[in-house]
Every structure is written in structure tokens, then in C-alpha cells.
Amino acid sequence: MPGQERISSPAGQRVPGAPRTSFWAMQAEFYHRLKVQRSIVVMVLAVAAYLQYYLVNVPIADLSQTTKFSPATVKAAEQVVSFKNPETDAGSFELGFDQPAESQKQRMVVDAYFDQASLSDETVHKLASLGVHAPPDAAAISYLTAAVANGSCTTAVQVQTSGISGQARAAEFSQSELAPSDRHRLLEVRMKGLDSTVTLSSQGTFDAISSASSCKVTLRVGNWQQITGGFVPVVVKVPAGSGYRLRWEAADIQPSGWNTGGPALPLLAFGRGHRQSFRVEEIGVYAAQAAERNRAHDGLVAQSEHKDAPLTVDSLMIGTDHLQFGVSGKGRVLENGSAIVTVNFLETINKYPLIAALFGAANLGLLNWAKSRFFPQPRTTPAEVVPFPKEDGMKNGVEDEVGPEDKAARG
């Protein structure tokens, strides 16, 4: 083409291509870059720091590795225990108190107090059929049981719950006050995300002469009050978040009186089989006045390892001034926001001088390696030898024109 030059090679002659760099050479060149090396140093230091922190703070994996829950104590009027996602049977949580007639234990009557609740429709209709017209509206409700002279009376309590969709579920137990003596036991219950149905039924001997029951039940709904002879179960509907209290009192009065304090008693049974245990996802013991948002950082918390493997509350007992419960299962424990740990491996290593020296040397070498990557020393180069320059008069044959006297002077 006009105006263009054509460059050609002799016939049969090929231009050699550029030599290819091998894969490993490319990798070596990549990892020799300073930025890459510094990134590797940061990652190695982070992993080493995490491993050493983990060796110092190995969290327990089983609650049997700590004595915090064997048993745990909840102080009356000071603390509250919360059981998250409690379950006694598949998909349900039930608890109650019952004392069969053949029981050899101390006979006890029960009073119940509800902050805000209402009688069930069935109870209102049943009382109306007996000529007792109770208000159906929600209000403060109390159920007080007493035994007449020379009679006996027992009260059974059954609590069934139903979950509210979309709300977190928890059962909270506490004692808002101390029991006045070993004759009494107190328990305050508050269900979160769970509506409660509480059934109260009192029974006693029947006096054929007076045609009356030995039980005397005082039922109050707001300002309304009615005294009955028991035998009619009373069902109370308690909405989630509303509290209610159970108060046990020994029916028999000992001649020598009662002590001011006494041991914790297993008064409650759980589930349809009336067991002493139930399952939970998480347990927390908090200050009674602690705000909800501060509980994770101010209290004792046990969390199950997996939702499919919940913790087991083996017992829940009620004392005059405290609650006691034992827990077992796989999980971790936090106390005031910090995990309860097992053996401190670094302290164990420091007991053996040789192992401690090797461990320290490894740490020192790691730090020196990091220092060399981030603060490299400047390379020293050998000094350049510069020849001594000749005089101008000796250049370009000038030396030949120097006279004999000058040569003699130069030696």
C-alpha cells in the first residue's frame, strides 16, 4: 500500500515468542510483594492472638464443670430466675401442686393472688347455676382457703400455658417477700409470651350434721366477694405478662411453734406425669430490679449448646427466703457478661520452665518476623571505588610537552 512500509522476515524464519513464566514463579513473585507479606503477617498474628486467648479462656462445655448450678440459689426479694422456652411435654409447659389424701407429708392449704385476671366462662356459668353471680370482667382476683375447726382442707393448683405467636416465651419465678416462718412458702410467677390457665380446687371432709364442708374458700374479684365451701373448681385466665402468687400454709399447728426458717421443699410438679424436671433453652438469675436490656451483663446465665439439645432443670424447690434449682446438660455459662472458663492453659505452661521458654521463643520469633515485614532495615550497598582523576596537563599527549625541568620536579 502506498505510504505504508511492510516489514517481513526471511522465508521460513519465525520470530521467537516471549518466554512464558511458570505458575510457581508467578506465585513466588506474588508472595514476595511487601503488601502481600504484610497481609499474611496480620492474619497470622490475629490467629495466634485468638488461639492464645482461647487457651486462657476455654469456656465450659457442660454445666457439670461448674458448681454454679448444683444447685443455684435465688434470693428472696432480691433476685428472679427466668426459664426461656420452658417445655414439660412436647409443645407444652405445665406445672402444679397436688397433695393426695394418702400423702404422709405435712398437709398444706394454698392461697392464690392474681394481679390482673378474669374467671373463665365455664366458672362464671357454674357459679351462676349455684346462685353465685361472679363478675366476668378482668380485675385483681384472690382465692383464699381456710379449714374450719376440727376439719381438714387441701387445695390443688394446676397451671397450663399456651404460647403467643411471634413472642419470646419465658417463665419467671421469684419471691417478692420473705415467708414469716417455716410454716409458709411463697412463690411469684410471671409468664412472658405465655397465657396461663390456673385451676384451683379445694376439697375437705364433709360434716353430715352441719351439711357443710370443712373447707372455706373466699373468692374475690375486684370489689366482689363470695365465701363458698369448696368442691367447685375455679378456673382463672391470666394474660401473658401479668403476675400471680401462690402462698402455702401448713394446715396443722405444732404445739412448739414453727422455726423462722426452714429447708427448701419440692412443692411443684411439672408436666402431665408430675415430674420434678423440665427442659429449657436458657436460664438466667438476675437482680429483681435489673432492666431487661442489662440482664445479659448483670447476672448468671446458662445457655444450651443447641436448641435441639436443651438444658434440663432437675429440680425446683421453695424455701422460706430463697429458691433452689439444679440444672444439667451441655452448654456455656456467663456470669456478669463473662464466660466461666475451665483450666487456664497458659498458667499451666508457665509451671514448666522448658515449655515456657519454648513458648516464649516462639512468640518472640513471631514478633520479630512481623517487625521485619513492617519495618524492614535499609539494605547496605558497597561503596563505589572512584579512580583518582589525572591532571589536565597529562591528557591528550600534553605530558610529552613537559620540559625536563618539570619532569625532574615530578621525580
Protein backbone atom coordinates (compact mmCIF):
# COMPACT_ATOMS: atom_id res chain seq x y z
CA MET A 1 0.00 0.00 0.00
CA PRO A 2 1.27 3.46 -0.73
CA GLY A 3 2.55 5.33 2.30
CA GLN A 4 2.97 2.14 4.36
CA GLU A 5 6.03 0.06 4.92
CA ARG A 6 5.93 -3.66 5.11
CA ILE A 7 8.24 -5.50 7.42
CA SER A 8 8.76 -9.11 6.64
CA SER A 9 11.05 -11.79 7.81
CA PRO A 10 13.00 -14.06 5.55
CA ALA A 11 11.10 -17.04 4.29
CA GLY A 12 10.89 -19.94 6.69
CA GLN A 13 12.10 -17.87 9.65
CA ARG A 14 9.81 -17.46 12.73
CA VAL A 15 10.01 -14.74 15.31
CA PRO A 16 10.56 -16.38 18.72
CA GLY A 17 7.79 -15.66 21.29
CA ALA A 18 8.35 -14.22 24.72
CA PRO A 19 9.33 -16.88 27.27
CA ARG A 20 6.42 -17.98 29.50
CA THR A 21 6.66 -17.63 33.26
CA SER A 22 5.85 -20.81 35.19
CA PHE A 23 2.91 -20.93 37.65
CA TRP A 24 5.16 -21.39 40.66
CA ALA A 25 7.33 -18.49 39.60
CA MET A 26 4.25 -16.30 39.38
CA GLN A 27 3.17 -17.43 42.86
CA ALA A 28 6.62 -16.73 44.26
CA GLU A 29 6.62 -13.29 42.68
CA PHE A 30 3.15 -12.59 44.14
CA TYR A 31 4.07 -13.61 47.68
CA HIS A 32 7.29 -11.63 47.56
CA ARG A 33 5.33 -8.41 47.32
CA LEU A 34 5.55 -6.36 50.51
CA LYS A 35 1.81 -5.68 50.73
CA VAL A 36 1.01 -9.38 50.45
CA GLN A 37 3.57 -10.28 53.10
CA ARG A 38 2.16 -7.67 55.48
CA SER A 39 -1.35 -9.01 54.96
CA ILE A 40 -0.13 -12.51 55.78
CA VAL A 41 1.58 -11.20 58.92
CA VAL A 42 -1.62 -9.55 60.13
CA MET A 43 -3.62 -12.76 59.60
CA VAL A 44 -1.03 -14.93 61.35
CA LEU A 45 -0.86 -12.55 64.33
CA ALA A 46 -4.67 -12.49 64.59
CA VAL A 47 -4.88 -16.29 64.56
CA ALA A 48 -2.07 -16.59 67.12
CA ALA A 49 -3.70 -14.00 69.40
CA TYR A 50 -7.07 -15.77 69.16
CA LEU A 51 -5.54 -19.16 69.94
CA GLN A 52 -3.71 -17.83 72.98
CA TYR A 53 -6.83 -16.00 74.18
CA TYR A 54 -8.82 -19.21 73.70
CA LEU A 55 -6.25 -21.20 75.71
CA VAL A 56 -6.69 -18.76 78.59
CA ASN A 57 -10.49 -18.54 78.26
CA VAL A 58 -11.74 -22.01 77.33
CA PRO A 59 -15.49 -21.90 78.09
CA ILE A 60 -17.02 -24.85 79.86
CA ALA A 61 -18.92 -27.22 77.59
CA ASP A 62 -21.01 -28.94 80.26
CA LEU A 63 -22.75 -27.45 83.29
CA SER A 64 -21.28 -30.21 85.43
CA GLN A 65 -17.92 -28.43 85.09
CA THR A 66 -19.11 -25.63 87.38
CA THR A 67 -20.79 -25.57 90.78
CA LYS A 68 -22.95 -22.57 89.90
CA PHE A 69 -25.99 -24.77 89.22
CA SER A 70 -25.63 -27.60 91.69
CA PRO A 71 -27.82 -26.09 92.98
CA ALA A 72 -28.32 -22.44 92.10
CA THR A 73 -29.87 -20.14 94.70
CA VAL A 74 -32.31 -17.29 94.06
CA LYS A 75 -32.55 -14.87 96.97
CA ALA A 76 -35.98 -13.74 98.08
CA ALA A 77 -36.87 -10.09 97.36
CA GLU A 78 -33.54 -9.65 95.55
CA GLN A 79 -33.36 -11.97 92.54
CA VAL A 80 -35.55 -13.57 89.89
CA VAL A 81 -34.94 -16.70 87.81
CA SER A 82 -36.06 -16.80 84.18
CA PHE A 83 -36.51 -20.01 82.16
CA LYS A 84 -36.51 -19.32 78.43
CA ASN A 85 -38.68 -21.52 76.20
CA PRO A 86 -39.70 -23.92 79.01
CA GLU A 87 -41.19 -27.27 78.00
CA THR A 88 -42.54 -30.11 80.11
CA ASP A 89 -44.11 -32.17 77.32
CA ALA A 90 -43.92 -31.81 73.57
CA GLY A 91 -45.04 -28.26 72.80
CA SER A 92 -46.46 -27.50 76.26
CA PHE A 93 -45.47 -26.25 79.70
CA GLU A 94 -47.49 -27.26 82.75
CA LEU A 95 -46.91 -27.16 86.49
CA GLY A 96 -48.95 -27.64 89.61
CA PHE A 97 -49.32 -28.63 93.24
CA ASP A 98 -51.41 -31.53 94.50
CA GLN A 99 -51.45 -33.41 97.78
CA PRO A 100 -53.19 -36.78 97.68
CA ALA A 101 -55.09 -37.87 100.76
CA GLU A 102 -52.70 -40.80 101.31
CA SER A 103 -49.66 -38.49 101.34
CA GLN A 104 -47.69 -38.57 104.59
CA LYS A 105 -46.26 -35.10 104.10
CA GLN A 106 -47.29 -32.01 106.02
CA ARG A 107 -50.81 -31.00 104.97
CA MET A 108 -50.86 -27.55 103.40
CA VAL A 109 -53.52 -25.17 102.10
CA VAL A 110 -52.90 -22.77 99.24
CA ASP A 111 -53.91 -19.15 98.63
CA ALA A 112 -53.62 -17.60 95.18
CA TYR A 113 -53.40 -13.91 94.22
CA PHE A 114 -53.69 -12.56 90.67
CA ASP A 115 -52.72 -9.01 89.66
CA GLN A 116 -54.98 -8.84 86.61
CA ALA A 117 -57.04 -11.82 85.51
CA SER A 118 -60.58 -13.00 84.84
CA LEU A 119 -62.72 -16.03 85.66
CA SER A 120 -63.29 -18.43 82.80
CA ASP A 121 -66.72 -18.51 81.19
CA GLU A 122 -67.24 -22.06 82.44
CA THR A 123 -66.56 -20.99 86.03
CA VAL A 124 -68.91 -17.99 85.77
CA HIS A 125 -71.73 -20.22 84.43
CA LYS A 126 -71.13 -22.92 87.03
CA LEU A 127 -71.23 -20.42 89.88
CA ALA A 128 -74.36 -18.82 88.41
CA SER A 129 -76.09 -22.22 88.44
CA LEU A 130 -75.46 -22.30 92.21
CA GLY A 131 -76.88 -18.82 92.68
CA VAL A 132 -73.49 -17.07 92.84
CA HIS A 133 -73.09 -14.34 90.24
CA ALA A 134 -69.40 -13.54 89.81
CA PRO A 135 -68.26 -10.68 87.54
CA PRO A 136 -66.67 -11.87 84.26
CA ASP A 137 -64.51 -8.77 83.81
CA ALA A 138 -60.74 -8.71 84.31
CA ALA A 139 -59.66 -7.48 87.74
CA ALA A 140 -57.48 -8.38 90.71
CA ILE A 141 -58.53 -11.85 91.92
CA SER A 142 -57.75 -13.69 95.15
CA TYR A 143 -58.58 -17.26 96.18
CA LEU A 144 -58.17 -17.80 99.94
CA THR A 145 -58.51 -21.22 101.55
CA ALA A 146 -59.05 -22.00 105.23
CA ALA A 147 -60.06 -25.07 107.21
CA VAL A 148 -62.84 -24.86 109.80
CA ALA A 149 -62.28 -26.12 113.33
CA ASN A 150 -61.55 -29.86 113.61
CA GLY A 151 -61.63 -30.21 109.84
CA SER A 152 -59.14 -30.70 107.04
CA CYS A 153 -58.82 -28.98 103.71
CA THR A 154 -56.47 -29.32 100.75
CA THR A 155 -56.11 -27.23 97.61
CA ALA A 156 -54.80 -28.42 94.27
CA VAL A 157 -53.32 -25.96 91.77
CA GLN A 158 -52.84 -26.73 88.08
CA VAL A 159 -51.23 -24.25 85.66
CA GLN A 160 -51.47 -24.77 81.91
CA THR A 161 -49.92 -22.36 79.41
CA SER A 162 -50.37 -21.55 75.74
CA GLY A 163 -47.84 -19.65 73.67
CA ILE A 164 -48.49 -16.44 71.78
CA SER A 165 -47.29 -16.49 68.20
CA GLY A 166 -44.33 -14.21 67.49
CA GLN A 167 -43.44 -13.55 71.13
CA ALA A 168 -40.45 -14.81 73.10
CA ARG A 169 -41.50 -17.25 75.81
CA ALA A 170 -40.19 -17.38 79.36
CA ALA A 171 -41.35 -18.39 82.82
CA GLU A 172 -40.10 -16.21 85.70
CA PHE A 173 -40.13 -17.38 89.32
CA SER A 174 -39.30 -15.21 92.32
CA GLN A 175 -40.22 -14.39 95.91
CA SER A 176 -41.27 -10.79 96.37
CA GLU A 177 -41.14 -11.17 100.16
CA LEU A 178 -39.80 -13.49 102.84
CA ALA A 179 -42.03 -16.14 104.38
CA PRO A 180 -42.94 -15.30 108.00
CA SER A 181 -41.97 -18.79 109.24
CA ASP A 182 -41.22 -22.35 108.22
CA ARG A 183 -44.99 -22.88 108.18
CA HIS A 184 -45.25 -20.84 104.97
CA ARG A 185 -43.86 -20.94 101.46
CA LEU A 186 -44.22 -18.19 98.82
CA LEU A 187 -43.79 -18.15 95.05
CA GLU A 188 -44.42 -15.44 92.46
CA VAL A 189 -44.95 -16.48 88.83
CA ARG A 190 -44.87 -14.37 85.68
CA MET A 191 -45.21 -15.85 82.22
CA LYS A 192 -43.87 -13.91 79.22
CA GLY A 193 -45.27 -14.79 75.82
CA LEU A 194 -47.47 -17.41 77.54
CA ASP A 195 -51.11 -17.14 78.61
CA SER A 196 -51.89 -19.10 81.78
CA THR A 197 -54.95 -21.07 82.77
CA VAL A 198 -54.89 -21.66 86.54
CA THR A 199 -57.31 -24.19 88.02
CA LEU A 200 -57.89 -24.07 91.81
CA SER A 201 -59.87 -26.83 93.52
CA SER A 202 -60.28 -27.27 97.28
CA GLN A 203 -61.55 -30.40 98.99
CA GLY A 204 -62.20 -31.34 102.59
CA THR A 205 -64.21 -33.57 104.80
CA PHE A 206 -67.99 -33.20 104.75
CA ASP A 207 -69.83 -32.77 108.05
CA ALA A 208 -73.13 -34.65 107.84
CA ILE A 209 -74.54 -32.88 110.90
CA SER A 210 -74.00 -29.33 109.65
CA SER A 211 -74.21 -30.36 105.97
CA ALA A 212 -71.15 -28.22 105.29
CA SER A 213 -67.64 -28.71 104.05
CA SER A 214 -64.63 -28.34 106.28
CA CYS A 215 -63.15 -26.05 103.60
CA LYS A 216 -63.92 -22.37 103.50
CA VAL A 217 -62.99 -20.61 100.27
CA THR A 218 -63.13 -16.83 99.93
CA LEU A 219 -63.25 -15.76 96.29
CA ARG A 220 -62.70 -12.09 95.44
CA VAL A 221 -62.94 -10.45 92.03
CA GLY A 222 -62.26 -6.75 92.27
CA ASN A 223 -64.71 -5.44 94.91
CA TRP A 224 -66.93 -8.52 94.65
CA GLN A 225 -66.54 -11.28 97.28
CA GLN A 226 -68.17 -14.65 97.96
CA ILE A 227 -67.49 -17.38 100.56
CA THR A 228 -68.08 -20.95 99.43
CA GLY A 229 -67.41 -24.40 100.78
CA GLY A 230 -65.09 -25.55 98.05
CA PHE A 231 -65.81 -28.56 95.79
CA VAL A 232 -66.34 -26.17 92.84
CA PRO A 233 -63.15 -25.78 90.76
CA VAL A 234 -62.33 -22.17 89.94
CA VAL A 235 -60.55 -21.52 86.64
CA VAL A 236 -58.69 -18.23 86.24
CA LYS A 237 -57.44 -16.84 82.92
CA VAL A 238 -54.16 -14.90 83.26
CA PRO A 239 -52.82 -12.96 80.25
CA ALA A 240 -49.14 -13.07 79.39
CA GLY A 241 -47.03 -10.65 81.42
CA SER A 242 -49.42 -10.48 84.38
CA GLY A 243 -48.09 -11.87 87.65
CA TYR A 244 -49.70 -14.16 90.19
CA ARG A 245 -48.60 -15.51 93.57
CA LEU A 246 -49.04 -18.80 95.40
CA ARG A 247 -48.88 -18.93 99.18
CA TRP A 248 -48.68 -22.26 101.00
CA GLU A 249 -49.51 -22.58 104.69
CA ALA A 250 -49.31 -25.68 106.88
CA ALA A 251 -52.78 -26.80 107.95
CA ASP A 252 -51.55 -28.22 111.25
CA ILE A 253 -50.26 -26.01 114.05
CA GLN A 254 -47.45 -27.56 116.03
CA PRO A 255 -47.63 -27.05 119.80
CA SER A 256 -43.97 -25.98 119.95
CA GLY A 257 -44.42 -23.45 117.15
CA TRP A 258 -42.55 -23.11 113.87
CA ASN A 259 -39.00 -22.01 113.18
CA THR A 260 -38.43 -18.72 111.35
CA GLY A 261 -36.59 -20.54 108.58
CA GLY A 262 -36.63 -23.97 107.04
CA PRO A 263 -35.34 -26.16 104.21
CA ALA A 264 -36.42 -25.79 100.61
CA LEU A 265 -39.33 -28.05 99.70
CA PRO A 266 -40.22 -29.62 96.30
CA LEU A 267 -43.82 -28.37 96.23
CA LEU A 268 -44.28 -28.08 92.46
CA ALA A 269 -44.57 -30.91 89.94
CA PHE A 270 -44.16 -30.41 86.18
CA GLY A 271 -45.87 -31.90 83.17
CA ARG A 272 -48.62 -34.47 82.83
CA GLY A 273 -46.50 -37.06 84.60
CA HIS A 274 -45.98 -34.80 87.65
CA ARG A 275 -42.20 -34.91 87.29
CA GLN A 276 -39.68 -32.81 89.17
CA SER A 277 -37.87 -31.79 85.95
CA PHE A 278 -38.49 -29.86 82.74
CA ARG A 279 -36.46 -28.61 79.77
CA VAL A 280 -35.36 -25.08 78.89
CA GLU A 281 -33.27 -23.35 76.25
CA GLU A 282 -31.72 -20.77 78.58
CA ILE A 283 -31.70 -19.98 82.30
CA GLY A 284 -30.89 -16.65 83.91
CA VAL A 285 -30.66 -15.45 87.51
CA TYR A 286 -30.92 -11.65 87.61
CA ALA A 287 -31.37 -8.86 90.10
CA ALA A 288 -35.08 -8.26 90.69
CA GLN A 289 -34.77 -4.58 89.73
CA ALA A 290 -32.45 -5.09 86.74
CA ALA A 291 -33.71 -3.70 83.45
CA GLU A 292 -34.35 -6.16 80.64
CA ARG A 293 -31.55 -4.73 78.47
CA ASN A 294 -28.97 -5.01 81.30
CA ARG A 295 -29.66 -8.60 82.26
CA ALA A 296 -27.12 -10.09 79.87
CA HIS A 297 -24.33 -8.14 81.59
CA ASP A 298 -25.52 -8.43 85.18
CA GLY A 299 -26.44 -11.94 86.21
CA LEU A 300 -25.82 -15.66 85.90
CA VAL A 301 -26.87 -17.16 82.55
CA ALA A 302 -26.73 -20.75 81.27
CA GLN A 303 -27.29 -21.32 77.54
CA SER A 304 -27.87 -24.68 75.89
CA GLU A 305 -25.40 -25.77 73.23
CA HIS A 306 -28.16 -26.38 70.65
CA LYS A 307 -31.88 -25.74 70.54
CA ASP A 308 -32.38 -29.42 69.79
CA ALA A 309 -30.49 -30.34 72.98
CA PRO A 310 -32.00 -28.15 75.73
CA LEU A 311 -30.88 -27.97 79.33
CA THR A 312 -32.73 -29.95 82.00
CA VAL A 313 -33.95 -28.36 85.20
CA ASP A 314 -33.68 -31.35 87.53
CA SER A 315 -35.45 -29.76 90.49
CA LEU A 316 -37.09 -26.56 91.70
CA MET A 317 -37.56 -26.21 95.45
CA ILE A 318 -39.07 -23.42 97.53
CA GLY A 319 -37.59 -22.22 100.79
CA THR A 320 -38.68 -19.51 103.21
CA ASP A 321 -36.16 -16.98 101.88
CA HIS A 322 -34.84 -18.49 98.64
CA LEU A 323 -35.48 -20.74 95.66
CA GLN A 324 -33.19 -23.60 94.68
CA PHE A 325 -32.86 -25.35 91.35
CA GLY A 326 -30.40 -27.71 89.74
CA VAL A 327 -29.53 -27.83 86.04
CA SER A 328 -27.71 -30.33 83.83
CA GLY A 329 -26.81 -30.53 80.16
CA LYS A 330 -24.39 -29.28 77.51
CA GLY A 331 -23.94 -25.52 77.33
CA ARG A 332 -21.97 -22.50 78.43
CA VAL A 333 -22.32 -20.24 81.46
CA LEU A 334 -21.93 -16.45 81.59
CA GLU A 335 -21.51 -14.54 84.83
CA ASN A 336 -21.86 -10.76 84.57
CA GLY A 337 -21.22 -10.99 80.82
CA SER A 338 -18.04 -13.11 81.05
CA ALA A 339 -17.87 -16.80 80.22
CA ILE A 340 -17.00 -19.18 83.04
CA VAL A 341 -13.85 -20.98 81.89
CA THR A 342 -12.04 -24.20 82.70
CA VAL A 343 -8.28 -24.59 83.22
CA ASN A 344 -6.01 -21.69 82.23
CA PHE A 345 -3.53 -23.48 79.95
CA LEU A 346 -1.03 -20.63 79.92
CA GLU A 347 -0.79 -20.72 83.70
CA THR A 348 -0.21 -24.45 83.44
CA ILE A 349 2.52 -23.95 80.82
CA ASN A 350 4.29 -21.39 83.00
CA LYS A 351 4.74 -24.03 85.70
CA TYR A 352 7.22 -25.88 83.45
CA PRO A 353 10.33 -23.75 82.64
CA LEU A 354 11.39 -25.60 79.46
CA ILE A 355 7.92 -25.49 77.88
CA ALA A 356 7.51 -21.86 78.95
CA ALA A 357 10.88 -20.96 77.36
CA LEU A 358 9.95 -22.66 74.07
CA PHE A 359 6.57 -20.96 74.08
CA GLY A 360 8.19 -17.57 74.74
CA ALA A 361 10.79 -18.14 71.98
CA ALA A 362 8.01 -18.92 69.51
CA ASN A 363 6.19 -15.71 70.42
CA LEU A 364 9.41 -13.69 70.15
CA GLY A 365 10.20 -15.16 66.74
CA LEU A 366 6.70 -14.36 65.54
CA LEU A 367 7.02 -10.74 66.67
CA ASN A 368 10.47 -10.35 65.07
CA TRP A 369 9.10 -11.71 61.81
CA ALA A 370 6.24 -9.20 61.92
CA LYS A 371 8.67 -6.39 62.70
CA SER A 372 10.86 -7.29 59.73
CA ARG A 373 7.88 -7.13 57.36
CA PHE A 374 6.53 -3.80 58.59
CA PHE A 375 9.82 -2.09 59.44
CA PRO A 376 12.44 -3.54 57.08
CA GLN A 377 16.06 -2.50 57.63
CA PRO A 378 17.62 -0.48 54.73
CA ARG A 379 19.97 -2.54 52.59
CA THR A 380 23.69 -1.62 52.79
CA THR A 381 25.45 -1.33 49.40
CA PRO A 382 29.27 -1.49 48.97
CA ALA A 383 30.97 1.85 48.42
CA GLU A 384 31.80 2.64 44.78
CA VAL A 385 35.52 2.98 44.06
CA VAL A 386 36.15 6.16 42.07
CA PRO A 387 39.59 6.40 40.30
CA PHE A 388 41.70 9.41 41.09
CA PRO A 389 41.43 11.84 38.13
CA LYS A 390 44.54 12.68 36.11
CA GLU A 391 45.82 16.23 35.83
CA ASP A 392 44.72 18.23 32.83
CA GLY A 393 48.25 18.67 31.67
CA MET A 394 48.70 14.93 31.29
CA LYS A 395 45.74 14.48 28.97
CA ASN A 396 45.89 14.24 25.18
CA GLY A 397 49.68 13.97 24.98
CA VAL A 398 50.37 17.10 26.95
CA GLU A 399 52.81 15.11 29.01
CA ASP A 400 55.15 14.92 26.02
CA GLU A 401 55.44 18.69 26.00
CA VAL A 402 56.59 18.95 29.57
CA GLY A 403 60.11 20.21 29.86
CA PRO A 404 62.98 18.38 31.53
CA GLU A 405 62.87 20.70 34.50
CA ASP A 406 59.22 19.83 35.14
CA LYS A 407 59.91 16.10 34.87
CA ALA A 408 62.74 16.43 37.31
CA ALA A 409 60.47 18.27 39.69
CA ARG A 410 57.87 15.49 39.49
CA GLY A 411 60.58 12.90 40.16
